[in-house]
Amino acid sequence: MIPAAKGDIAIYRCSDDSAFALHNRCPHKQGPLSEGIVHGHQVACPLHSWVIDLESGEAVAPDIGCAPKLPVRVVDGVVWLGQP
């Protein structure tokens, strides 16, 4: 349980084994980012195809906005989330 988090969290593990965690809402129309398509270190929102950078949580230009990120690490196959 992460007390500072509000709502669902989307956790991603990319093909290069890096891990990321964002609040599960696109800054545009609150689409579920966990249902988006991941390519590299970005995820495309399933509602209107906004692209969010997984490392920063920022929308990729020309779009503007941010999905708050949380610190995440994987140790021996266990995912650890920290407070922002």
Protein backbone atom coordinates (compact mmCIF):
# COMPACT_ATOMS: atom_id res chain seq x y z
CA MET A 1 0.00 0.00 0.00
CA ILE A 2 1.33 3.40 -0.96
CA PRO A 3 -0.33 6.10 1.16
CA ALA A 4 0.66 8.94 -1.18
CA ALA A 5 -0.91 7.28 -4.22
CA LYS A 6 -4.46 8.08 -5.25
CA GLY A 7 -6.14 5.61 -7.56
CA ASP A 8 -4.71 2.77 -9.58
CA ILE A 9 -1.06 2.42 -10.51
CA ALA A 10 0.18 0.99 -13.80
CA ILE A 11 3.43 -0.97 -13.60
CA TYR A 12 5.48 -1.63 -16.72
CA ARG A 13 8.41 -3.95 -17.31
CA CYS A 14 9.96 -3.25 -20.69
CA SER A 15 11.80 -5.58 -23.05
CA ASP A 16 15.16 -4.26 -21.78
CA ASP A 17 14.10 -5.36 -18.26
CA SER A 18 13.63 -1.79 -16.97
CA ALA A 19 10.61 -1.14 -14.74
CA PHE A 20 8.37 1.92 -14.44
CA ALA A 21 5.26 2.89 -12.47
CA LEU A 22 2.77 5.66 -13.27
CA HIS A 23 -0.63 6.65 -11.97
CA ASN A 24 -3.03 4.82 -14.29
CA ARG A 25 -4.63 7.92 -15.80
CA CYS A 26 -3.67 9.74 -18.99
CA PRO A 27 -3.40 13.51 -18.43
CA HIS A 28 -5.65 14.13 -21.45
CA LYS A 29 -8.97 12.40 -20.75
CA GLN A 30 -7.99 10.12 -17.85
CA GLY A 31 -7.69 7.04 -20.08
CA PRO A 32 -6.35 3.83 -18.49
CA LEU A 33 -2.64 3.81 -19.34
CA SER A 34 -2.39 0.19 -18.17
CA GLU A 35 -4.40 -0.76 -21.26
CA GLY A 36 -2.11 1.14 -23.64
CA ILE A 37 0.50 -0.21 -26.01
CA VAL A 38 4.10 0.00 -24.80
CA HIS A 39 6.85 0.73 -27.32
CA GLY A 40 10.34 1.27 -26.00
CA HIS A 41 10.02 3.41 -22.87
CA GLN A 42 6.70 4.97 -23.90
CA VAL A 43 3.05 3.99 -23.63
CA ALA A 44 0.24 5.10 -25.95
CA CYS A 45 -3.07 5.86 -24.24
CA PRO A 46 -5.82 3.60 -25.61
CA LEU A 47 -8.38 6.43 -25.80
CA HIS A 48 -6.76 9.08 -27.99
CA SER A 49 -3.22 7.79 -28.62
CA TRP A 50 -1.42 10.34 -26.46
CA VAL A 51 2.11 9.04 -25.89
CA ILE A 52 3.50 9.16 -22.34
CA ASP A 53 7.20 8.79 -21.57
CA LEU A 54 7.59 6.10 -18.90
CA GLU A 55 10.81 7.55 -17.50
CA SER A 56 9.38 11.02 -16.79
CA GLY A 57 5.60 10.56 -16.92
CA GLU A 58 5.45 13.52 -19.33
CA ALA A 59 3.34 13.55 -22.48
CA VAL A 60 5.41 13.54 -25.67
CA ALA A 61 5.19 16.76 -27.75
CA PRO A 62 3.06 18.24 -29.12
CA ASP A 63 0.87 17.09 -26.22
CA ILE A 64 1.32 18.61 -22.77
CA GLY A 65 0.63 16.98 -19.41
CA CYS A 66 1.97 14.49 -16.94
CA ALA A 67 1.00 11.14 -15.43
CA PRO A 68 2.66 11.19 -12.00
CA LYS A 69 5.37 8.55 -11.69
CA LEU A 70 6.41 6.49 -8.69
CA PRO A 71 9.81 5.03 -7.90
CA VAL A 72 9.94 1.33 -8.73
CA ARG A 73 12.59 -1.38 -8.64
CA VAL A 74 12.65 -5.12 -9.12
CA VAL A 75 14.74 -7.21 -6.73
CA ASP A 76 14.86 -11.00 -7.15
CA GLY A 77 11.61 -10.91 -9.12
CA VAL A 78 9.75 -8.83 -6.51
CA VAL A 79 8.41 -5.40 -7.53
CA TRP A 80 8.99 -2.65 -4.96
CA LEU A 81 7.14 0.67 -5.17
CA GLY A 82 8.20 3.72 -3.24
CA GLN A 83 6.55 6.97 -2.41
CA PRO A 84 7.01 9.84 -4.87
